[in-house]
N, C-alpha and C. Protein backbone atom coordinates (compact mmCIF):
# COMPACT_ATOMS: atom_id res chain seq x y z
N MET A 1 32.28 67.67 23.85
CA MET A 1 32.44 68.10 25.36
C MET A 1 32.02 66.89 26.25
N ALA A 2 32.94 66.69 27.46
CA ALA A 2 32.76 65.59 28.14
C ALA A 2 31.56 65.87 28.99
N SER A 3 30.91 64.73 29.39
CA SER A 3 29.60 64.73 30.18
C SER A 3 30.08 65.00 31.60
N VAL A 4 29.04 65.28 32.54
CA VAL A 4 29.45 65.44 33.97
C VAL A 4 29.96 64.07 34.57
N GLU A 5 29.44 62.88 33.93
CA GLU A 5 29.77 61.64 34.41
C GLU A 5 31.31 61.30 34.00
N GLU A 6 31.51 61.69 32.79
CA GLU A 6 32.98 61.54 32.41
C GLU A 6 33.97 62.37 33.21
N ASP A 7 33.64 63.77 33.35
CA ASP A 7 34.39 64.50 34.23
C ASP A 7 34.63 63.92 35.66
N SER A 8 33.51 63.40 36.20
CA SER A 8 33.53 62.94 37.57
C SER A 8 34.42 61.68 37.60
N GLU A 9 34.31 60.90 36.58
CA GLU A 9 35.15 59.68 36.64
C GLU A 9 36.66 60.02 36.47
N GLU A 10 37.01 60.99 35.72
CA GLU A 10 38.39 61.52 35.65
C GLU A 10 38.92 61.90 36.95
N ASP A 11 38.03 62.63 37.78
CA ASP A 11 38.43 62.99 39.03
C ASP A 11 38.71 61.81 39.94
N LEU A 12 37.94 60.84 39.80
CA LEU A 12 38.14 59.63 40.63
C LEU A 12 39.40 58.85 40.35
N LYS A 13 39.97 59.03 39.31
CA LYS A 13 41.19 58.43 38.80
C LYS A 13 42.40 59.10 39.38
N SER A 14 42.16 60.19 39.94
CA SER A 14 43.31 60.99 40.68
C SER A 14 44.03 60.07 41.77
N GLU A 15 45.11 60.65 42.23
CA GLU A 15 45.83 59.92 43.30
C GLU A 15 45.07 59.74 44.46
N GLU A 16 44.16 60.66 44.81
CA GLU A 16 43.31 60.69 46.02
C GLU A 16 42.48 59.37 46.00
N SER A 17 42.05 58.77 44.89
CA SER A 17 41.33 57.63 44.80
C SER A 17 41.93 56.29 44.97
N ILE A 18 43.26 56.44 44.92
CA ILE A 18 44.12 55.17 45.10
C ILE A 18 43.94 54.52 46.49
N GLY A 19 43.61 53.25 46.59
CA GLY A 19 43.41 52.63 47.81
C GLY A 19 42.09 52.59 48.36
N LYS A 20 41.13 53.24 47.63
CA LYS A 20 39.68 53.41 48.00
C LYS A 20 38.89 52.09 47.52
N THR A 21 38.02 51.67 48.34
CA THR A 21 37.07 50.58 47.86
C THR A 21 36.20 50.88 46.70
N PRO A 22 35.63 49.96 46.02
CA PRO A 22 34.70 50.29 44.94
C PRO A 22 33.51 50.96 45.53
N GLU A 23 33.04 50.55 46.77
CA GLU A 23 31.92 51.29 47.30
C GLU A 23 32.20 52.72 47.61
N GLU A 24 33.35 53.08 48.12
CA GLU A 24 33.60 54.40 48.31
C GLU A 24 33.91 55.29 47.13
N LEU A 25 34.31 54.52 46.02
CA LEU A 25 34.51 55.34 44.76
C LEU A 25 33.05 55.47 44.20
N LYS A 26 32.27 54.69 44.28
CA LYS A 26 30.78 54.95 43.80
C LYS A 26 30.12 56.00 44.58
N LYS A 27 30.35 55.95 45.81
CA LYS A 27 29.69 57.06 46.68
C LYS A 27 30.18 58.50 46.24
N GLU A 28 31.60 58.62 46.01
CA GLU A 28 32.21 59.69 45.56
C GLU A 28 31.52 60.15 44.15
N LEU A 29 31.65 59.10 43.33
CA LEU A 29 30.92 59.48 41.99
C LEU A 29 29.59 60.06 41.97
N LYS A 30 28.68 59.45 42.79
CA LYS A 30 27.47 59.86 43.03
C LYS A 30 27.32 61.40 43.54
N LYS A 31 28.24 61.66 44.44
CA LYS A 31 28.12 63.04 45.07
C LYS A 31 28.60 63.95 44.01
N ALA A 32 29.64 63.68 43.16
CA ALA A 32 30.09 64.49 42.04
C ALA A 32 29.06 64.70 41.11
N LEU A 33 28.31 63.67 40.68
CA LEU A 33 27.26 63.72 39.69
C LEU A 33 26.06 64.55 40.23
N GLU A 34 25.68 64.58 41.50
CA GLU A 34 24.63 65.32 42.14
C GLU A 34 25.10 66.90 42.11
N LYS A 35 26.40 67.03 42.38
CA LYS A 35 26.85 68.39 42.38
C LYS A 35 26.81 69.10 41.13
N GLY A 36 26.98 68.21 40.02
CA GLY A 36 27.05 68.75 38.67
C GLY A 36 25.69 68.98 38.01
N VAL A 37 24.69 68.46 38.64
CA VAL A 37 23.24 68.59 38.09
C VAL A 37 22.62 69.77 38.98
N GLU A 38 22.41 70.92 38.25
CA GLU A 38 21.71 72.09 38.96
C GLU A 38 20.22 71.82 39.13
N LYS A 39 19.75 71.90 40.22
CA LYS A 39 18.29 71.69 40.48
C LYS A 39 17.44 72.91 39.97
N LYS A 40 16.32 72.62 39.39
CA LYS A 40 15.51 73.81 38.88
C LYS A 40 14.19 73.87 39.55
N GLN A 41 13.57 75.03 39.54
CA GLN A 41 12.22 75.08 40.05
C GLN A 41 11.44 76.12 39.22
N VAL A 42 10.14 75.75 38.89
CA VAL A 42 9.35 76.44 37.91
C VAL A 42 8.28 77.23 38.70
N PHE A 43 8.00 78.41 38.38
CA PHE A 43 7.09 79.30 38.88
C PHE A 43 6.11 79.86 37.87
N GLN A 44 4.74 79.78 38.15
CA GLN A 44 3.74 80.21 37.29
C GLN A 44 3.51 81.79 37.59
N VAL A 45 3.30 82.62 36.65
CA VAL A 45 2.86 83.97 36.83
C VAL A 45 1.33 83.94 36.68
N ILE A 46 0.69 83.92 37.87
CA ILE A 46 -0.88 83.75 37.88
C ILE A 46 -1.50 85.16 37.89
N PRO A 47 -2.59 85.40 37.03
CA PRO A 47 -3.34 84.46 36.20
C PRO A 47 -2.86 84.65 34.66
N TYR A 48 -1.65 84.79 34.37
CA TYR A 48 -1.21 85.26 33.08
C TYR A 48 -0.73 84.17 32.17
N ASP A 49 -0.83 82.91 32.61
CA ASP A 49 -0.70 81.71 31.73
C ASP A 49 0.86 81.73 31.25
N MET A 50 1.78 82.04 32.15
CA MET A 50 3.23 81.97 31.83
C MET A 50 3.92 81.52 33.00
N ARG A 51 5.16 80.92 32.72
CA ARG A 51 5.95 80.37 33.77
C ARG A 51 7.44 80.59 33.34
N PHE A 52 8.26 80.74 34.39
CA PHE A 52 9.73 80.94 34.38
C PHE A 52 10.37 79.88 35.17
N THR A 53 11.63 79.44 34.75
CA THR A 53 12.33 78.46 35.49
C THR A 53 13.54 79.13 36.25
N PHE A 54 13.83 78.84 37.48
CA PHE A 54 14.82 79.42 38.17
C PHE A 54 15.81 78.28 38.79
N SER A 55 17.00 78.45 38.99
CA SER A 55 17.74 77.46 39.82
C SER A 55 17.24 77.52 41.24
N ASP A 56 17.78 76.48 41.98
CA ASP A 56 17.20 76.35 43.37
C ASP A 56 17.70 77.35 44.38
N ASP A 57 18.66 78.13 44.04
CA ASP A 57 19.17 79.12 45.08
C ASP A 57 18.27 80.39 44.94
N TRP A 58 17.18 80.46 44.21
CA TRP A 58 16.33 81.63 44.33
C TRP A 58 15.18 81.21 45.25
N GLU A 59 14.63 82.22 45.86
CA GLU A 59 13.45 81.88 46.84
C GLU A 59 12.36 82.97 46.26
N GLU A 60 10.97 82.66 46.50
CA GLU A 60 9.94 83.40 46.07
C GLU A 60 9.58 84.36 47.17
N THR A 61 9.33 85.74 46.91
CA THR A 61 8.95 86.60 47.88
C THR A 61 7.76 87.49 47.31
N THR A 62 6.98 86.95 46.59
CA THR A 62 5.76 87.48 45.91
C THR A 62 4.87 88.08 47.06
N ASP A 63 4.60 87.44 48.06
CA ASP A 63 3.63 87.72 49.08
C ASP A 63 3.98 89.13 49.78
N HIS A 64 5.26 89.58 49.62
CA HIS A 64 5.70 90.73 50.31
C HIS A 64 5.98 91.91 49.23
N SER A 65 5.48 91.67 48.08
CA SER A 65 5.67 92.69 46.93
C SER A 65 4.44 92.94 46.24
N GLN A 66 4.47 93.99 45.27
CA GLN A 66 3.41 94.42 44.41
C GLN A 66 3.35 93.65 43.22
N PHE A 67 4.37 92.73 42.93
CA PHE A 67 4.50 92.14 41.70
C PHE A 67 3.67 90.63 41.53
N ASP A 68 3.48 90.37 40.22
CA ASP A 68 2.65 89.10 40.16
C ASP A 68 3.62 87.87 40.42
N LEU A 69 4.92 88.17 40.36
CA LEU A 69 5.94 87.18 40.71
C LEU A 69 7.13 87.82 41.08
N GLN A 70 7.66 87.51 42.25
CA GLN A 70 9.00 88.23 42.56
C GLN A 70 9.79 87.17 43.20
N MET A 71 11.22 87.01 42.76
CA MET A 71 12.12 86.11 43.29
C MET A 71 13.37 86.85 43.83
N LYS A 72 14.08 86.16 44.87
CA LYS A 72 15.09 86.90 45.41
C LYS A 72 16.21 85.78 45.48
N ARG A 73 17.58 86.35 45.08
CA ARG A 73 18.68 85.48 45.12
C ARG A 73 19.61 85.87 46.01
N GLY A 74 19.54 85.47 47.29
CA GLY A 74 20.45 85.76 48.40
C GLY A 74 20.34 87.31 48.61
N ASN A 75 21.42 87.86 48.83
CA ASN A 75 21.64 89.34 49.04
C ASN A 75 22.10 90.01 47.65
N ARG A 76 21.92 89.21 46.56
CA ARG A 76 22.57 89.83 45.27
C ARG A 76 21.54 90.59 44.47
N TYR A 77 20.34 89.99 44.15
CA TYR A 77 19.30 90.81 43.49
C TYR A 77 18.03 90.21 43.49
N TYR A 78 17.09 90.99 42.93
CA TYR A 78 15.71 90.52 42.74
C TYR A 78 15.37 90.33 41.37
N CYS A 79 14.39 89.43 41.15
CA CYS A 79 13.69 89.40 39.74
C CYS A 79 12.24 89.63 40.02
N SER A 80 11.75 90.65 39.37
CA SER A 80 10.39 91.21 39.64
C SER A 80 9.69 91.14 38.34
N ILE A 81 8.37 90.63 38.22
CA ILE A 81 7.59 90.39 37.04
C ILE A 81 6.27 90.85 37.16
N PHE A 82 5.79 91.66 36.17
CA PHE A 82 4.32 92.08 35.98
C PHE A 82 3.86 91.27 34.83
N GLY A 83 2.76 90.55 34.85
CA GLY A 83 2.22 89.96 33.78
C GLY A 83 1.06 90.95 33.02
N PHE A 84 0.84 90.86 31.75
CA PHE A 84 -0.21 91.49 30.99
C PHE A 84 -0.73 90.49 29.91
N LYS A 85 -1.94 90.72 29.67
CA LYS A 85 -2.62 90.00 28.54
C LYS A 85 -2.90 91.07 27.38
N ASP A 86 -2.89 90.66 26.25
CA ASP A 86 -3.12 91.45 25.07
C ASP A 86 -4.51 92.18 25.28
N ILE A 87 -5.46 91.49 25.68
CA ILE A 87 -6.87 91.89 25.68
C ILE A 87 -6.98 93.12 26.63
N ASP A 88 -6.04 93.25 27.55
CA ASP A 88 -6.10 94.35 28.58
C ASP A 88 -5.40 95.62 28.00
N LEU A 89 -4.71 95.63 26.96
CA LEU A 89 -4.10 96.77 26.40
C LEU A 89 -5.15 97.55 25.56
N ALA A 90 -4.92 98.93 25.63
CA ALA A 90 -5.76 99.88 24.79
C ALA A 90 -5.48 99.56 23.36
N ASN A 91 -6.33 99.85 22.53
CA ASN A 91 -6.27 99.42 21.11
C ASN A 91 -5.05 99.96 20.40
N ASP A 92 -4.53 101.10 20.82
CA ASP A 92 -3.42 101.72 19.96
C ASP A 92 -2.11 101.36 20.86
N MET A 93 -2.12 100.54 21.80
CA MET A 93 -0.97 100.19 22.64
C MET A 93 -0.33 98.97 22.18
N THR A 94 1.03 98.97 22.06
CA THR A 94 1.80 97.71 21.64
C THR A 94 2.60 97.34 22.92
N PRO A 95 3.12 96.02 22.82
CA PRO A 95 4.09 95.46 23.84
C PRO A 95 5.31 96.46 23.93
N GLU A 96 5.74 97.15 23.00
CA GLU A 96 6.73 98.05 23.17
C GLU A 96 6.50 99.16 23.84
N ASP A 97 5.28 99.73 23.74
CA ASP A 97 4.75 100.71 24.62
C ASP A 97 4.82 100.40 26.11
N ILE A 98 4.36 99.26 26.46
CA ILE A 98 4.33 98.83 27.87
C ILE A 98 5.77 98.69 28.29
N TYR A 99 6.67 98.26 27.63
CA TYR A 99 8.15 98.19 27.93
C TYR A 99 8.69 99.64 28.25
N GLU A 100 8.30 100.61 27.45
CA GLU A 100 8.75 102.06 27.70
C GLU A 100 8.10 102.62 28.84
N LEU A 101 6.85 102.35 29.03
CA LEU A 101 6.10 102.90 30.23
C LEU A 101 6.68 102.40 31.51
N GLN A 102 6.95 101.04 31.55
CA GLN A 102 7.33 100.39 32.67
C GLN A 102 8.80 101.00 33.08
N LYS A 103 9.60 101.07 32.10
CA LYS A 103 11.05 101.57 32.32
C LYS A 103 10.93 103.03 32.87
N GLU A 104 10.07 103.86 32.18
CA GLU A 104 10.02 105.21 32.64
C GLU A 104 9.47 105.30 34.13
N ASP A 105 8.58 104.51 34.47
CA ASP A 105 7.99 104.47 35.80
C ASP A 105 9.16 104.00 36.80
N LEU A 106 9.83 103.00 36.42
CA LEU A 106 10.80 102.59 37.31
C LEU A 106 12.08 103.57 37.46
N LEU A 107 12.58 104.00 36.38
CA LEU A 107 13.74 104.81 36.28
C LEU A 107 13.35 106.36 36.72
N GLY A 108 12.13 106.64 36.70
CA GLY A 108 11.81 108.07 36.91
C GLY A 108 11.85 108.18 38.54
N LYS A 109 11.92 107.07 39.27
CA LYS A 109 11.93 107.20 40.76
C LYS A 109 13.41 107.02 41.28
N ARG A 110 14.42 106.93 40.16
CA ARG A 110 15.83 106.76 40.66
C ARG A 110 16.47 107.95 40.31
N ASP A 111 17.68 108.17 40.91
CA ASP A 111 18.58 109.47 40.51
C ASP A 111 19.60 108.93 39.68
N PHE A 112 20.19 109.87 38.86
CA PHE A 112 21.45 109.58 38.08
C PHE A 112 21.35 108.34 37.21
N THR A 113 20.07 108.15 36.50
CA THR A 113 19.92 106.91 35.78
C THR A 113 20.72 107.11 34.46
N GLU A 114 21.22 105.89 33.87
CA GLU A 114 22.12 105.89 32.80
C GLU A 114 21.87 104.49 32.10
N LEU A 115 21.87 104.55 30.83
CA LEU A 115 21.86 103.27 30.01
C LEU A 115 23.28 102.80 30.06
N VAL A 116 23.46 101.56 30.58
CA VAL A 116 24.81 101.06 30.52
C VAL A 116 24.92 100.21 29.21
N ARG A 117 23.92 99.46 28.74
CA ARG A 117 23.91 98.87 27.41
C ARG A 117 22.75 98.35 27.05
N GLU A 118 22.44 98.21 25.69
CA GLU A 118 21.18 97.71 25.12
C GLU A 118 21.61 96.45 24.30
N GLU A 119 20.97 95.27 24.89
CA GLU A 119 21.19 94.09 24.10
C GLU A 119 20.36 93.93 22.95
N PRO A 120 20.85 93.07 21.94
CA PRO A 120 19.96 92.90 20.78
C PRO A 120 18.80 92.17 21.13
N VAL A 121 17.53 92.45 20.37
CA VAL A 121 16.27 91.65 20.66
C VAL A 121 16.52 90.31 20.32
N TRP A 122 16.19 89.37 21.20
CA TRP A 122 16.34 87.92 21.05
C TRP A 122 14.88 87.31 20.75
N GLU A 123 15.00 86.66 19.67
CA GLU A 123 13.68 86.07 19.05
C GLU A 123 13.67 84.69 18.61
N ASP A 124 12.57 83.84 18.89
CA ASP A 124 12.49 82.52 18.28
C ASP A 124 11.12 82.57 17.85
N GLU A 125 10.64 81.22 17.62
CA GLU A 125 9.37 81.08 16.95
C GLU A 125 8.10 81.45 17.95
N SER A 126 8.40 81.59 19.27
CA SER A 126 7.26 81.70 20.18
C SER A 126 7.50 83.07 21.01
N ARG A 127 8.59 83.68 20.99
CA ARG A 127 8.82 84.84 21.82
C ARG A 127 9.63 85.91 21.16
N LYS A 128 9.53 87.14 21.58
CA LYS A 128 10.49 88.17 21.37
C LYS A 128 11.05 88.78 22.80
N ILE A 129 12.22 88.97 23.04
CA ILE A 129 12.76 89.39 24.39
C ILE A 129 13.69 90.71 24.08
N TYR A 130 13.08 91.70 24.89
CA TYR A 130 13.86 92.92 24.79
C TYR A 130 14.63 93.14 26.01
N ARG A 131 15.81 93.62 25.96
CA ARG A 131 16.73 93.78 27.19
C ARG A 131 17.57 94.97 27.20
N GLU A 132 17.46 95.75 28.29
CA GLU A 132 18.44 96.99 28.41
C GLU A 132 18.84 96.96 29.85
N LEU A 133 20.19 97.15 30.02
CA LEU A 133 20.73 97.45 31.40
C LEU A 133 21.00 98.77 31.69
N TYR A 134 20.37 99.35 32.81
CA TYR A 134 20.56 100.75 33.33
C TYR A 134 21.18 100.69 34.75
N SER A 135 21.77 101.76 35.02
CA SER A 135 22.21 102.06 36.31
C SER A 135 21.49 103.22 36.98
N GLY A 136 21.32 103.20 38.40
CA GLY A 136 20.59 104.36 38.87
C GLY A 136 20.95 104.37 40.35
N GLU A 137 20.49 105.53 41.09
CA GLU A 137 20.83 105.46 42.61
C GLU A 137 19.44 105.58 43.21
N LEU A 138 19.30 104.89 44.34
CA LEU A 138 18.13 104.99 45.22
C LEU A 138 18.60 105.14 46.65
N ASP A 139 18.23 106.28 47.31
CA ASP A 139 18.67 106.57 48.68
C ASP A 139 20.15 106.55 48.75
N GLY A 140 20.71 107.02 47.70
CA GLY A 140 22.20 107.36 47.74
C GLY A 140 22.86 106.05 47.49
N ILE A 141 22.36 104.79 47.09
CA ILE A 141 23.05 103.62 46.73
C ILE A 141 22.78 103.39 45.29
N LYS A 142 24.01 102.94 44.62
CA LYS A 142 23.87 102.54 43.22
C LYS A 142 23.34 101.25 43.04
N TYR A 143 22.51 100.98 42.00
CA TYR A 143 21.98 99.66 41.59
C TYR A 143 22.07 99.55 40.13
N TYR A 144 21.95 98.37 39.73
CA TYR A 144 21.68 97.99 38.37
C TYR A 144 20.41 97.50 38.07
N TYR A 145 19.71 97.91 37.01
CA TYR A 145 18.48 97.45 36.65
C TYR A 145 18.44 96.77 35.26
N TYR A 146 18.23 95.50 35.12
CA TYR A 146 18.23 94.84 33.89
C TYR A 146 16.72 94.80 33.49
N CYS A 147 16.24 95.66 32.53
CA CYS A 147 14.79 95.87 32.32
C CYS A 147 14.56 95.10 31.00
N CYS A 148 13.56 94.29 31.11
CA CYS A 148 13.33 93.21 29.99
C CYS A 148 11.92 93.08 29.74
N LEU A 149 11.50 92.71 28.45
CA LEU A 149 10.11 92.43 28.11
C LEU A 149 10.14 91.15 27.29
N VAL A 150 9.26 90.25 27.79
CA VAL A 150 9.08 88.95 27.20
C VAL A 150 7.68 88.97 26.34
N ASP A 151 7.66 89.19 25.12
CA ASP A 151 6.53 89.26 24.25
C ASP A 151 6.15 87.91 23.58
N PHE A 152 5.15 87.12 24.02
CA PHE A 152 4.77 85.93 23.45
C PHE A 152 3.93 86.09 22.26
N LYS A 153 4.37 85.36 21.13
CA LYS A 153 3.73 85.46 19.84
C LYS A 153 2.47 84.81 19.85
N GLU A 154 1.63 85.18 18.91
CA GLU A 154 0.27 84.45 18.77
C GLU A 154 0.41 83.02 18.35
N PRO A 155 -0.42 82.04 18.96
CA PRO A 155 -1.64 82.31 19.54
C PRO A 155 -1.57 82.68 21.05
N ALA A 156 -0.39 82.86 21.54
CA ALA A 156 -0.34 83.24 23.03
C ALA A 156 -0.84 84.62 23.12
N GLN A 157 -1.34 85.03 24.34
CA GLN A 157 -1.94 86.25 24.42
C GLN A 157 -1.39 87.15 25.62
N GLY A 158 -0.19 86.93 25.88
CA GLY A 158 0.50 87.55 27.05
C GLY A 158 1.82 88.19 26.91
N LEU A 159 2.32 88.91 27.85
CA LEU A 159 3.67 89.46 27.82
C LEU A 159 3.97 89.73 29.28
N ALA A 160 5.27 89.73 29.55
CA ALA A 160 5.86 89.94 30.95
C ALA A 160 6.81 90.94 30.85
N TRP A 161 6.76 91.96 31.83
CA TRP A 161 7.70 92.86 32.10
C TRP A 161 8.58 92.38 33.16
N VAL A 162 9.85 92.25 33.07
CA VAL A 162 10.78 91.66 33.90
C VAL A 162 11.93 92.53 34.23
N VAL A 163 12.18 92.66 35.49
CA VAL A 163 13.37 93.58 35.97
C VAL A 163 14.09 92.84 36.86
N PHE A 164 15.44 92.70 36.64
CA PHE A 164 16.44 92.14 37.68
C PHE A 164 17.11 93.52 38.17
N SER A 165 17.14 93.56 39.55
CA SER A 165 17.67 94.67 40.25
C SER A 165 18.52 94.30 41.40
N GLY A 166 19.67 94.92 41.56
CA GLY A 166 20.53 94.63 42.59
C GLY A 166 21.91 95.23 42.47
N VAL A 167 22.87 94.69 43.20
CA VAL A 167 24.22 95.15 43.26
C VAL A 167 24.96 95.06 41.78
N PRO A 168 25.40 96.08 41.27
CA PRO A 168 25.89 96.24 39.97
C PRO A 168 26.96 95.05 39.57
N SER A 169 27.88 94.80 40.58
CA SER A 169 28.87 93.81 40.16
C SER A 169 28.13 92.39 39.91
N TRP A 170 27.13 92.04 40.69
CA TRP A 170 26.59 90.80 40.67
C TRP A 170 25.77 90.74 39.35
N VAL A 171 24.85 91.85 39.07
CA VAL A 171 23.99 91.71 37.98
C VAL A 171 24.90 91.78 36.76
N GLU A 172 25.95 92.53 36.63
CA GLU A 172 26.94 92.48 35.53
C GLU A 172 27.57 91.05 35.30
N ASN A 173 27.92 90.54 36.46
CA ASN A 173 28.55 89.17 36.38
C ASN A 173 27.71 88.14 35.81
N ASP A 174 26.50 88.22 36.16
CA ASP A 174 25.52 87.08 35.84
C ASP A 174 24.45 87.35 34.76
N VAL A 175 24.73 88.32 33.85
CA VAL A 175 23.70 88.72 32.97
C VAL A 175 23.38 87.46 32.11
N GLU A 176 24.48 86.64 31.65
CA GLU A 176 24.13 85.57 30.84
C GLU A 176 23.11 84.46 31.47
N GLU A 177 23.28 84.35 32.78
CA GLU A 177 22.41 83.56 33.56
C GLU A 177 21.13 84.07 33.75
N LEU A 178 21.06 85.40 33.80
CA LEU A 178 19.70 85.99 33.96
C LEU A 178 18.96 85.90 32.48
N ASP A 179 19.74 85.92 31.41
CA ASP A 179 19.20 85.72 30.17
C ASP A 179 18.55 84.32 30.07
N GLN A 180 19.13 83.41 30.68
CA GLN A 180 18.60 81.94 30.69
C GLN A 180 17.31 81.95 31.28
N ILE A 181 17.11 82.78 32.29
CA ILE A 181 15.69 82.71 33.00
C ILE A 181 14.67 83.36 32.07
N LEU A 182 15.16 84.44 31.48
CA LEU A 182 14.20 85.05 30.38
C LEU A 182 13.80 84.02 29.32
N MET A 183 14.88 83.35 28.86
CA MET A 183 14.61 82.33 27.76
C MET A 183 13.86 81.12 28.24
N SER A 184 13.65 80.89 29.45
CA SER A 184 12.94 79.83 29.93
C SER A 184 11.48 80.04 29.82
N ALA A 185 11.03 81.36 29.71
CA ALA A 185 9.70 81.75 29.86
C ALA A 185 8.85 81.01 28.74
N GLU A 186 7.76 80.53 29.30
CA GLU A 186 7.02 79.68 28.39
C GLU A 186 5.40 80.24 28.65
N ASP A 187 4.68 80.19 27.58
CA ASP A 187 3.29 80.41 27.54
C ASP A 187 2.63 79.09 27.84
N VAL A 188 1.66 78.96 28.88
CA VAL A 188 1.01 77.67 29.13
C VAL A 188 -0.49 77.75 29.13
N GLY A 189 -1.00 78.89 28.37
CA GLY A 189 -2.42 78.96 28.25
C GLY A 189 -2.90 78.25 27.08
N ASP A 190 -4.14 78.06 27.00
CA ASP A 190 -4.93 77.35 26.05
C ASP A 190 -5.19 78.40 24.80
N PRO A 191 -4.74 78.01 23.70
CA PRO A 191 -4.97 78.94 22.53
C PRO A 191 -6.41 79.19 22.18
N VAL A 192 -6.89 80.38 21.87
CA VAL A 192 -8.11 80.66 21.44
C VAL A 192 -8.64 80.05 20.39
N ASP A 193 -9.90 79.32 20.30
CA ASP A 193 -10.33 78.54 19.08
C ASP A 193 -11.03 79.56 18.28
N VAL A 194 -10.38 80.27 17.21
CA VAL A 194 -10.91 81.31 16.46
C VAL A 194 -12.06 80.77 15.71
N THR A 195 -12.13 79.55 15.15
CA THR A 195 -13.08 78.85 14.34
C THR A 195 -14.50 78.91 15.20
N SER A 196 -14.29 78.43 16.51
CA SER A 196 -15.51 78.23 17.24
C SER A 196 -16.06 79.73 17.63
N ALA A 197 -15.20 80.68 17.79
CA ALA A 197 -15.60 82.04 18.12
C ALA A 197 -16.38 82.53 16.97
N ASP A 198 -15.89 82.40 15.71
CA ASP A 198 -16.65 82.85 14.46
C ASP A 198 -18.07 82.21 14.39
N GLU A 199 -18.07 80.91 14.61
CA GLU A 199 -19.30 80.16 14.55
C GLU A 199 -20.34 80.60 15.60
N ASP A 200 -19.89 80.95 16.80
CA ASP A 200 -20.80 81.50 17.86
C ASP A 200 -21.37 82.87 17.50
N GLU A 201 -20.47 83.62 16.68
CA GLU A 201 -21.03 84.88 16.34
C GLU A 201 -21.99 84.76 15.21
N GLY A 202 -21.71 83.72 14.33
CA GLY A 202 -22.70 83.60 13.21
C GLY A 202 -23.93 82.99 13.72
């Protein structure tokens, strides 16, 4: 696959570049390179020791919401995140239980809810990610809700309920990009030193 620089250089070899000075060509190449590199911004979910990466066309709206982190992308959709720590869960509660409870709470307040599709669980060495896309109506308007859970594996001690909500056509069109946000999730906490804890108890 050609790099951004190679593609940009090909563009500059077009007929439009004929007769331009080397300085003008360099400026055009720089602009093309800057356009090709998408800027990123990282937000931490406080105090849950986790962070997510968003492109720079997202803005934070946490101060005006009930969520631990909320982001908005223009008039297209929101990303709303609740953080949890394993220690806060009841002894018989699992991350999957949290996922189901949050979905029930959200969808129970909407009309005509319907499962659009269920994505396979995505997993790597540090996380498991659950994803389901629902439709529902609120105040007579139809929305899509991409309900997700990021479960960090040990030694991490947290999980994140994430829901993307907004205009169906935008959510449907951007699901792959929304998945990239989910897969950017990182645990940034310090692992518990089990050895030290055992020694203290002894």
